[in-house]
Protein backbone atom coordinates (compact mmCIF):
# COMPACT_ATOMS: atom_id res chain seq x y z
CA MET A 1 -61.05 13.16 -19.44
CA TYR A 2 -57.49 12.90 -21.21
CA LYS A 3 -55.83 9.74 -21.10
CA LEU A 4 -52.20 9.05 -21.79
CA PRO A 5 -51.01 6.49 -24.48
CA LEU A 6 -50.39 3.27 -22.85
CA ALA A 7 -46.80 3.10 -24.13
CA LEU A 8 -46.06 6.30 -22.37
CA TYR A 9 -48.09 5.41 -19.21
CA CYS A 10 -45.91 2.21 -18.92
CA THR A 11 -42.74 4.12 -19.34
CA ILE A 12 -43.54 6.36 -16.83
CA VAL A 13 -44.65 3.56 -14.19
CA TYR A 14 -41.42 1.76 -15.35
CA ASN A 15 -38.78 4.66 -14.47
CA TYR A 16 -40.79 5.48 -11.19
CA ILE A 17 -39.92 1.64 -10.15
CA TYR A 18 -36.70 1.58 -11.40
CA LEU A 19 -35.49 5.02 -10.38
CA SER A 20 -37.15 4.49 -6.54
CA THR A 21 -35.37 0.85 -6.61
CA GLU A 22 -32.02 2.92 -7.33
CA ALA A 23 -32.64 5.67 -5.02
CA ARG A 24 -33.09 3.15 -2.13
CA PHE A 25 -30.14 1.16 -3.46
CA MET A 26 -28.19 4.35 -3.38
CA GLU A 27 -29.34 5.60 0.14
CA ASN A 28 -28.50 1.96 1.42
CA TYR A 29 -25.06 2.18 -0.17
CA GLN A 30 -24.53 5.57 1.78
CA ASN A 31 -25.88 4.55 4.94
CA PHE A 32 -23.33 1.58 4.91
CA CYS A 33 -20.54 4.14 4.51
CA GLU A 34 -21.41 5.70 7.67
CA ILE A 35 -22.06 2.68 9.59
CA PHE A 36 -19.08 0.98 8.64
CA TYR A 37 -16.85 3.78 9.40
CA ALA A 38 -18.69 4.18 12.86
CA SER A 39 -17.90 0.52 13.81
CA HIS A 40 -14.36 0.25 12.31
CA TYR A 41 -13.33 3.85 12.27
CA LEU A 42 -11.55 2.99 8.76
CA PRO A 43 -12.54 5.72 5.99
CA ILE A 44 -14.49 4.47 3.21
CA ALA A 45 -16.31 5.86 -0.01
CA LEU A 46 -18.67 4.82 -2.68
CA TYR A 47 -18.23 5.33 -5.82
CA GLU A 48 -20.66 4.55 -9.04
CA GLU A 49 -19.29 3.79 -12.26
CA ASP A 50 -16.00 5.17 -11.11
CA ARG A 51 -17.53 8.42 -9.96
CA PHE A 52 -17.08 9.36 -6.43
CA VAL A 53 -20.39 9.57 -4.67
CA CYS A 54 -19.79 10.22 -1.03
CA ALA A 55 -17.07 9.52 1.78
CA SER A 56 -17.13 8.76 5.69
CA GLY A 57 -14.54 8.93 7.70
CA PHE A 58 -12.33 11.94 6.21
CA TYR A 59 -11.33 15.29 7.22
CA GLU A 60 -12.92 17.41 4.36
CA ASP A 61 -15.83 16.88 1.49
CA GLY A 62 -14.86 15.74 -1.87
CA ASP A 63 -13.02 12.72 -3.31
CA PRO A 64 -10.34 11.11 -0.77
CA TYR A 65 -8.98 8.67 -3.29
CA SER A 66 -8.36 10.30 -6.57
CA PHE A 67 -4.55 9.47 -6.54
CA VAL A 68 -5.13 5.86 -5.84
CA PHE A 69 -8.54 4.71 -7.34
CA SER A 70 -6.72 4.17 -10.64
CA LYS A 71 -4.48 1.65 -9.00
CA LEU A 72 -7.36 -0.17 -7.59
CA THR A 73 -9.87 -0.28 -10.85
CA GLY A 74 -9.32 -2.72 -13.69
CA ARG A 75 -8.16 -5.62 -11.29
CA LYS A 76 -10.86 -8.12 -9.98
CA SER A 77 -12.78 -7.24 -6.69
CA PRO A 78 -11.56 -7.33 -4.42
CA SER A 79 -8.19 -5.91 -5.10
CA VAL A 80 -5.46 -4.21 -2.42
CA TYR A 81 -2.86 -1.55 -3.34
CA VAL A 82 0.03 -1.06 -0.83
CA SER A 83 1.24 2.69 -1.33
CA SER A 84 4.87 3.85 -1.09
CA ASP A 85 4.57 4.75 2.43
CA THR A 86 3.21 1.23 3.10
CA GLY A 87 -0.63 2.42 3.56
CA TYR A 88 -3.18 -0.47 2.73
CA TYR A 89 -6.09 0.70 0.43
CA GLY A 90 -8.81 -1.65 -0.70
CA LEU A 91 -11.57 -1.77 -3.23
CA VAL A 92 -14.83 -4.02 -3.57
CA ARG A 93 -17.43 -4.09 -6.09
CA CYS A 94 -20.79 -4.34 -5.41
CA GLY A 95 -23.16 -7.16 -6.93
CA ASP A 96 -24.51 -4.56 -9.07
CA GLY A 97 -21.48 -4.13 -11.07
CA LEU A 98 -22.21 -0.36 -10.67
CA HIS A 99 -20.89 0.58 -7.29
CA ALA A 100 -17.80 -0.22 -5.78
CA PHE A 101 -16.19 0.91 -2.31
CA VAL A 102 -12.74 1.90 -1.56
CA LEU A 103 -11.45 2.06 1.72
CA GLY A 104 -8.35 2.93 3.36
CA PRO A 105 -5.55 4.02 4.66
CA ALA A 106 -4.48 1.35 6.97
CA TYR A 107 -1.26 1.16 8.39
CA SER A 108 0.25 -1.94 10.43
CA THR A 109 2.73 0.16 12.47
CA PRO A 110 1.77 3.53 14.43
CA VAL A 111 1.66 6.47 11.79
CA THR A 112 5.08 8.49 11.81
CA GLU A 113 5.81 11.95 10.50
CA GLU A 114 6.93 10.50 7.48
CA PHE A 115 3.40 8.96 6.75
CA ILE A 116 1.58 12.24 7.54
CA ARG A 117 4.20 13.93 4.94
CA SER A 118 3.89 11.35 2.14
CA TYR A 119 -0.34 11.37 2.52
CA ILE A 120 -0.01 15.22 2.13
CA ARG A 121 1.92 14.65 -1.00
CA LYS A 122 -0.16 12.20 -2.30
CA ASN A 123 -3.23 14.02 -2.21
CA MET A 124 -1.79 17.45 -2.97
CA LEU A 125 -3.05 19.00 0.51
CA PRO A 126 -1.70 22.35 1.62
CA ILE A 127 1.06 21.62 4.36
CA SER A 128 -0.67 23.96 6.73
CA HIS A 129 -2.94 21.36 7.03
CA CYS A 130 -0.29 18.79 8.64
CA GLU A 131 -2.06 19.15 12.15
CA LYS A 132 -5.37 17.84 10.96
CA ILE A 133 -4.05 15.16 8.69
CA ALA A 134 -1.74 13.77 11.23
CA SER A 135 -5.17 13.84 13.85
CA PHE A 136 -7.06 12.00 10.59
CA LEU A 137 -4.55 9.32 10.11
CA ARG A 138 -3.70 8.89 13.91
CA SER A 139 -7.65 8.01 14.81
CA ILE A 140 -7.42 5.13 12.02
CA PRO A 141 -7.10 2.00 13.87
CA GLN A 142 -3.58 -0.66 13.26
CA TYR A 143 -4.46 -3.40 10.55
CA THR A 144 -1.89 -5.81 9.73
CA TYR A 145 -1.77 -6.59 5.65
CA ASN A 146 -3.38 -10.08 6.74
CA GLN A 147 -6.13 -8.64 8.84
CA PHE A 148 -6.87 -6.03 5.84
CA LEU A 149 -6.94 -8.69 3.04
CA ASN A 150 -9.47 -10.71 5.34
CA LEU A 151 -11.80 -7.60 5.72
CA LEU A 152 -11.95 -7.03 1.94
CA VAL A 153 -12.70 -10.25 1.53
CA PHE A 154 -15.30 -10.12 4.25
CA LEU A 155 -17.04 -6.85 2.51
CA HIS A 156 -16.82 -8.85 -0.72
CA TYR A 157 -19.28 -11.57 0.67
CA THR A 158 -21.51 -8.98 2.12
CA PHE A 159 -22.38 -7.23 -1.28
CA THR A 160 -21.84 -10.26 -3.70
CA GLY A 161 -23.13 -13.31 -1.77
CA GLN A 162 -19.78 -14.97 -3.13
CA LYS A 163 -17.23 -16.70 -0.35
CA LEU A 164 -14.02 -16.44 -1.24
CA ASP A 165 -10.55 -17.49 0.46
CA MET A 166 -7.44 -15.60 0.80
CA VAL A 167 -6.30 -17.67 -2.46
CA GLN A 168 -9.16 -16.87 -4.63
CA ALA A 169 -9.58 -13.43 -3.74
CA PHE A 170 -5.77 -12.40 -4.03
CA GLY A 171 -3.72 -15.38 -5.40
CA ILE A 172 -1.44 -15.03 -2.79
CA THR A 173 -0.49 -19.09 -1.91
CA ASP A 174 -1.00 -22.54 -2.26
CA THR A 175 -1.07 -25.41 -0.28
CA GLN A 176 2.34 -26.43 -1.43
CA PHE A 177 3.82 -22.82 -0.72
CA GLN A 178 2.41 -23.06 2.50
CA GLU A 179 4.33 -26.52 3.12
CA VAL A 180 7.42 -24.90 2.13
CA ILE A 181 7.66 -21.93 3.96
CA GLY A 182 7.13 -23.63 7.53
CA GLN A 183 4.07 -25.37 8.03
CA ARG A 184 5.47 -29.06 8.64
CA HIS A 185 3.06 -30.08 10.97
CA ILE A 186 3.35 -33.83 12.07
CA GLN A 187 1.49 -35.30 9.16
CA GLN A 188 4.42 -38.28 8.80
CA SER A 189 4.50 -41.36 10.85
CA PHE A 190 7.08 -41.34 13.64
CA GLN A 191 9.47 -43.41 11.57
CA GLU A 192 9.32 -40.98 9.00
CA TRP A 193 10.35 -38.00 11.49
CA GLU A 194 13.33 -40.12 12.81
CA GLU A 195 14.60 -40.88 9.31
CA HIS A 196 14.26 -36.86 8.83
CA ARG A 197 16.09 -35.94 12.52
CA GLN A 198 17.96 -33.41 10.96
CA HIS A 199 16.23 -29.94 10.24
CA GLY A 200 16.23 -29.10 6.33
CA THR A 201 15.02 -25.62 6.63
CA TYR A 202 18.51 -23.81 6.76
CA HIS A 203 19.39 -23.29 3.53
CA PHE A 204 15.96 -22.38 2.61
CA GLU A 205 15.65 -19.62 5.30
CA GLN A 206 18.95 -18.01 4.45
CA GLN A 207 18.14 -17.44 0.85
CA MET A 208 14.69 -16.11 1.93
CA LEU A 209 16.46 -13.61 4.39
CA ALA A 210 18.65 -12.38 2.00
CA LEU A 211 16.00 -11.73 -0.25
CA ILE A 212 14.12 -9.70 2.08
CA ARG A 213 17.23 -8.12 3.30
CA ASP A 214 17.48 -6.75 -0.20
CA GLY A 215 13.83 -5.60 -0.53
CA ASN A 216 13.31 -8.03 -3.43
CA VAL A 217 9.85 -8.42 -3.55
CA GLU A 218 9.34 -9.81 -6.89
CA GLN A 219 12.22 -12.47 -6.73
CA LEU A 220 10.95 -13.61 -2.78
CA GLU A 221 7.69 -14.25 -4.49
CA GLN A 222 9.19 -16.27 -7.16
CA PHE A 223 11.78 -18.12 -5.10
CA LEU A 224 9.06 -19.10 -2.60
CA LEU A 225 6.74 -20.23 -5.62
CA ALA A 226 9.60 -22.43 -7.18
CA ALA A 227 10.84 -23.77 -3.74
CA ALA A 228 7.46 -25.33 -3.37
CA ASN A 229 8.09 -27.88 -6.24
CA SER A 230 11.63 -28.63 -5.50
CA THR A 231 12.26 -28.35 -2.15
CA ARG A 232 11.32 -30.83 1.05
CA THR A 233 11.91 -29.30 4.62
CA GLN A 234 11.54 -30.90 7.77
CA GLU A 235 10.43 -28.89 10.92
CA GLY A 236 11.25 -29.94 14.88
CA LYS A 237 8.54 -30.45 17.06
CA LEU A 238 7.57 -27.45 19.00
CA ALA A 239 4.64 -28.28 20.36
CA GLU A 240 2.10 -30.77 21.37
CA THR A 241 -1.10 -30.04 19.34
CA PRO A 242 -0.94 -29.10 15.34
CA LEU A 243 -2.28 -25.35 16.36
CA ARG A 244 0.39 -24.73 18.46
CA GLN A 245 2.86 -25.78 16.32
CA ALA A 246 2.13 -23.85 13.76
CA LYS A 247 1.62 -20.58 16.03
CA ASN A 248 5.49 -21.37 17.65
CA ILE A 249 6.76 -21.91 14.08
CA PHE A 250 5.27 -18.19 12.82
CA ILE A 251 6.59 -16.36 15.82
CA GLY A 252 10.30 -17.95 15.18
CA LEU A 253 9.96 -17.01 11.90
CA THR A 254 8.82 -13.40 12.31
CA THR A 255 11.89 -12.93 14.84
CA MET A 256 14.21 -13.95 12.36
CA VAL A 257 12.94 -12.06 9.82
CA GLY A 258 12.75 -9.10 11.44
CA LYS A 259 16.33 -9.04 13.20
CA TYR A 260 18.52 -11.18 10.60
CA ALA A 261 16.71 -9.37 7.44
CA ALA A 262 14.77 -6.29 7.77
CA ILE A 263 16.84 -4.46 10.14
CA PRO A 264 20.07 -5.40 8.41
CA GLY A 265 18.04 -4.08 5.31
CA GLY A 266 17.55 -0.98 6.25
CA LEU A 267 14.38 -0.86 8.32
CA ASP A 268 13.89 1.24 11.13
CA ILE A 269 14.96 -0.68 14.49
CA GLU A 270 11.95 0.16 16.49
CA GLN A 271 9.25 0.06 13.53
CA THR A 272 10.89 -3.74 12.91
CA TYR A 273 10.16 -4.48 16.87
CA ARG A 274 6.79 -3.13 16.52
CA LEU A 275 5.89 -5.29 13.37
CA ILE A 276 7.01 -8.22 14.99
CA ASP A 277 5.07 -7.62 18.34
CA THR A 278 1.71 -6.75 16.10
CA TYR A 279 2.30 -9.86 13.97
CA ILE A 280 2.82 -12.08 16.95
CA GLN A 281 -0.18 -11.03 18.47
CA GLU A 282 -2.47 -11.23 15.69
CA CYS A 283 -1.26 -14.90 15.23
CA GLU A 284 -1.95 -15.86 18.87
CA LYS A 285 -5.72 -15.13 17.97
CA LEU A 286 -5.81 -17.02 15.30
CA GLN A 287 -7.94 -20.21 15.91
CA SER A 288 -7.05 -22.17 12.78
CA GLU A 289 -3.79 -23.38 10.75
CA ASP A 290 -5.29 -22.12 7.51
CA ALA A 291 -5.71 -18.77 8.94
CA ILE A 292 -1.81 -19.01 9.90
CA LYS A 293 -0.76 -20.00 6.91
CA ASN A 294 -2.15 -17.11 5.11
CA LEU A 295 -0.38 -15.12 7.83
CA GLN A 296 2.71 -16.59 7.35
CA TYR A 297 2.82 -15.53 3.95
CA ASN A 298 1.70 -12.03 4.04
CA MET A 299 4.50 -11.28 6.89
CA PRO A 300 7.71 -11.67 5.04
CA MET A 301 6.05 -10.27 1.93
CA ASP A 302 5.09 -7.23 4.02
CA PHE A 303 8.65 -6.94 5.73
CA ALA A 304 10.49 -7.23 2.07
CA ARG A 305 8.18 -4.26 0.47
CA ARG A 306 8.83 -1.90 3.79
CA VAL A 307 12.86 -2.80 3.18
CA ALA A 308 12.35 -2.14 -0.43
CA GLN A 309 10.98 1.55 0.40
CA GLN A 310 14.01 2.10 2.67
CA LYS A 311 16.53 0.43 0.61
CA LEU A 312 19.69 2.49 -0.22
CA PRO A 313 20.42 2.99 -4.14
CA ALA A 314 23.41 1.51 -5.63
CA ARG A 315 26.95 3.56 -4.56
CA ILE A 316 24.84 5.92 -2.53
CA SER A 317 26.07 6.77 0.81
CA ARG A 318 23.39 6.74 4.13
CA GLU A 319 24.19 10.50 4.63
CA VAL A 320 23.24 11.57 0.95
CA TYR A 321 20.34 9.15 0.91
CA ALA A 322 18.73 10.71 4.13
CA CYS A 323 19.30 14.01 2.60
CA MET A 324 17.35 12.67 -0.81
CA GLN A 325 14.67 11.31 1.51
CA PHE A 326 14.45 14.90 3.30
CA ILE A 327 14.08 16.41 -0.04
CA GLY A 328 11.23 13.87 -1.22
CA SER A 329 9.35 14.44 1.96
CA HIS A 330 9.22 18.36 1.76
CA ILE A 331 8.67 18.46 -2.14
CA ASN A 332 5.48 20.41 -1.68
CA GLU A 333 7.33 22.79 0.77
CA PRO A 334 9.67 25.53 -0.49
CA VAL A 335 12.80 23.92 0.92
CA GLN A 336 16.22 25.59 -0.13
CA VAL A 337 19.33 24.55 0.14
CA GLU A 338 20.07 25.85 3.05
CA ASP A 339 17.43 23.93 4.66
CA ILE A 340 19.22 20.77 3.68
CA VAL A 341 22.64 21.84 5.01
CA ALA A 342 21.21 22.42 8.09
CA PHE A 343 19.41 18.77 8.46
CA SER A 344 22.50 17.01 7.33
CA GLY A 345 24.65 18.24 9.90
CA MET A 346 27.52 18.65 7.36
CA SER A 347 29.34 21.67 6.27
CA ARG A 348 28.05 23.49 2.80
CA ALA A 349 31.37 22.77 1.11
CA TYR A 350 31.69 19.21 2.12
CA LEU A 351 27.78 18.33 1.60
CA PHE A 352 28.07 19.90 -1.92
CA LYS A 353 30.97 17.50 -2.86
CA ARG A 354 29.11 14.53 -1.82
CA PHE A 355 26.18 15.23 -3.87
CA HIS A 356 28.31 15.68 -6.76
CA GLN A 357 30.11 12.88 -6.18
CA GLU A 358 27.57 10.54 -5.70
CA LEU A 359 24.66 11.78 -7.63
CA GLY A 360 26.31 13.89 -10.38
CA ILE A 361 24.46 17.08 -9.61
CA GLY A 362 24.26 19.60 -7.39
CA ILE A 363 21.63 19.93 -4.58
CA SER A 364 19.57 23.04 -6.16
CA ALA A 365 19.73 20.44 -9.15
CA TYR A 366 18.55 17.95 -7.46
CA ILE A 367 15.59 19.67 -5.82
CA LEU A 368 14.33 20.58 -9.35
CA GLN A 369 14.57 17.11 -10.41
CA CYS A 370 12.38 16.16 -7.71
CA ARG A 371 10.00 18.57 -8.28
CA LEU A 372 10.03 18.04 -12.26
CA ARG A 373 9.26 14.25 -11.28
CA GLU A 374 6.63 15.02 -9.14
CA ALA A 375 5.05 17.11 -11.58
CA LYS A 376 5.12 14.43 -14.47
CA PHE A 377 2.95 12.10 -12.24
CA LEU A 378 0.37 14.94 -11.56
CA LEU A 379 0.04 15.67 -15.43
CA ARG A 380 -0.33 11.94 -16.12
CA TYR A 381 -2.68 11.00 -13.51
CA THR A 382 -4.59 14.11 -12.37
CA ASN A 383 -6.54 17.07 -13.51
CA LYS A 384 -4.58 19.73 -11.57
CA SER A 385 -4.55 22.91 -13.57
CA LEU A 386 -0.56 23.73 -14.68
CA GLY A 387 -1.58 26.89 -11.94
CA GLU A 388 -2.41 24.25 -9.44
CA ILE A 389 0.70 22.02 -10.03
CA SER A 390 3.22 24.91 -10.01
CA SER A 391 1.76 26.49 -6.77
CA TYR A 392 1.74 23.03 -4.97
CA LEU A 393 5.33 22.40 -6.30
CA CYS A 394 6.45 25.66 -4.89
CA PHE A 395 7.61 27.26 -8.15
CA SER A 396 7.79 30.88 -8.13
CA SER A 397 5.30 31.23 -11.06
CA GLN A 398 3.46 29.29 -13.57
CA SER A 399 5.77 30.77 -15.95
CA HIS A 400 8.67 29.50 -14.22
CA PHE A 401 7.17 25.93 -13.85
CA GLN A 402 6.61 25.95 -17.61
CA THR A 403 10.00 27.07 -18.75
CA GLN A 404 12.06 25.01 -16.09
CA PHE A 405 9.57 21.78 -17.48
CA LYS A 406 10.23 22.51 -21.10
CA LYS A 407 14.12 23.23 -20.43
CA ASN A 408 14.57 19.79 -18.78
CA VAL A 409 11.75 17.62 -20.48
CA GLY A 410 12.04 18.70 -24.03
CA GLN A 411 8.10 19.69 -24.21
CA THR A 412 5.54 21.80 -22.48
CA PRO A 413 3.57 20.61 -19.33
CA ALA A 414 0.10 20.42 -21.86
CA GLN A 415 1.98 18.54 -24.48
CA TYR A 416 3.31 16.30 -22.12
CA ARG A 417 -0.27 15.71 -20.48
CA LYS A 418 -1.54 15.49 -23.77
CA ARG A 419 0.84 12.89 -25.33
CA ARG A 420 0.37 10.90 -22.46
CA GLN A 421 -3.28 10.83 -22.41
CA ASP A 422 -3.27 10.51 -26.35
CA ARG A 423 -1.22 7.25 -25.91
CA LYS A 424 -3.31 6.14 -22.58
CA GLU A 425 -0.20 5.38 -20.63
């Protein structure tokens, strides 16, 4: 009877055991996607060595995170990305180093038409899918930024066994910083409290509110961290217990940030009030001072990011900016000058004059500029063909797209894509 060589036999047995183990792991991961979505209603996808494997909770098959995956990889796990429409996306790598889960989008306020259009644009979806996408996004439960980060920390522990706190996972705060932004719990003697009877938070608060009002996220974070080393503030006694004290301080700060920074900074009034309500409700559920400290850092940063997204550019009127926003949110639709005029409610001549005065170009030129800017992004970060890009951005033909691109950018779309890939920008 023929016998296999020992070396070949060992190889076959090893491969059988190894591949069977891998298959079981893969099956478990895929099952986890299904169970996670069934219990959380938060979309999730599995990747193996950054290659899409499967997903649960989405409206159709295929990789649902093509536009956001590159923004999450290359960072330590867990990682988080906040999109331009303030959707939260997260990545958690498994202990084997090969597999990773991506989840999102999650929003902390109800999904609006603008959120839906932004999602459609980012994923290069046909506008005819709008109703289906709206149903999908509105079925996702609301998460505050803080809740989403805690979920990522939990998943990281589930797959690696490594317990991280918010500081270790995201480097978002430290104990000195927490003290500065309002966590003055009664740690001093009655005599010390008497000596610091005057509240010392006013000037700190005004500077923080100004940065949020300006939507200056980076400087806000730098300011708060710098203040931790140089500022001593004193909160008054607001409750009989440290936990209630922390919650009362948070509620007051959140209301102040919303009313006196976010709304004056341009954030929608109704959206601001909903966000205030959401954060206060989450705060009331927390049962530790440390959890409130983390929430109290994330809250002003969240407001500042939202203000930054809606901030008026310098020397641009609200009327023209509204038209710019309208064009941007309809960039994958065959929007024409007449549509912009109708949206603005102004006369054609007056709107043309305002555009030229404030932007230096006409409406048609601005529409083309927006489409070419979007085309650069798609050429740089996706593998979409020139035909797909030209069709998505509503050019009359691929040749028209190529002609306009070369005329305005100075190189063909193919040349632009190749040079960006060669430079690995």
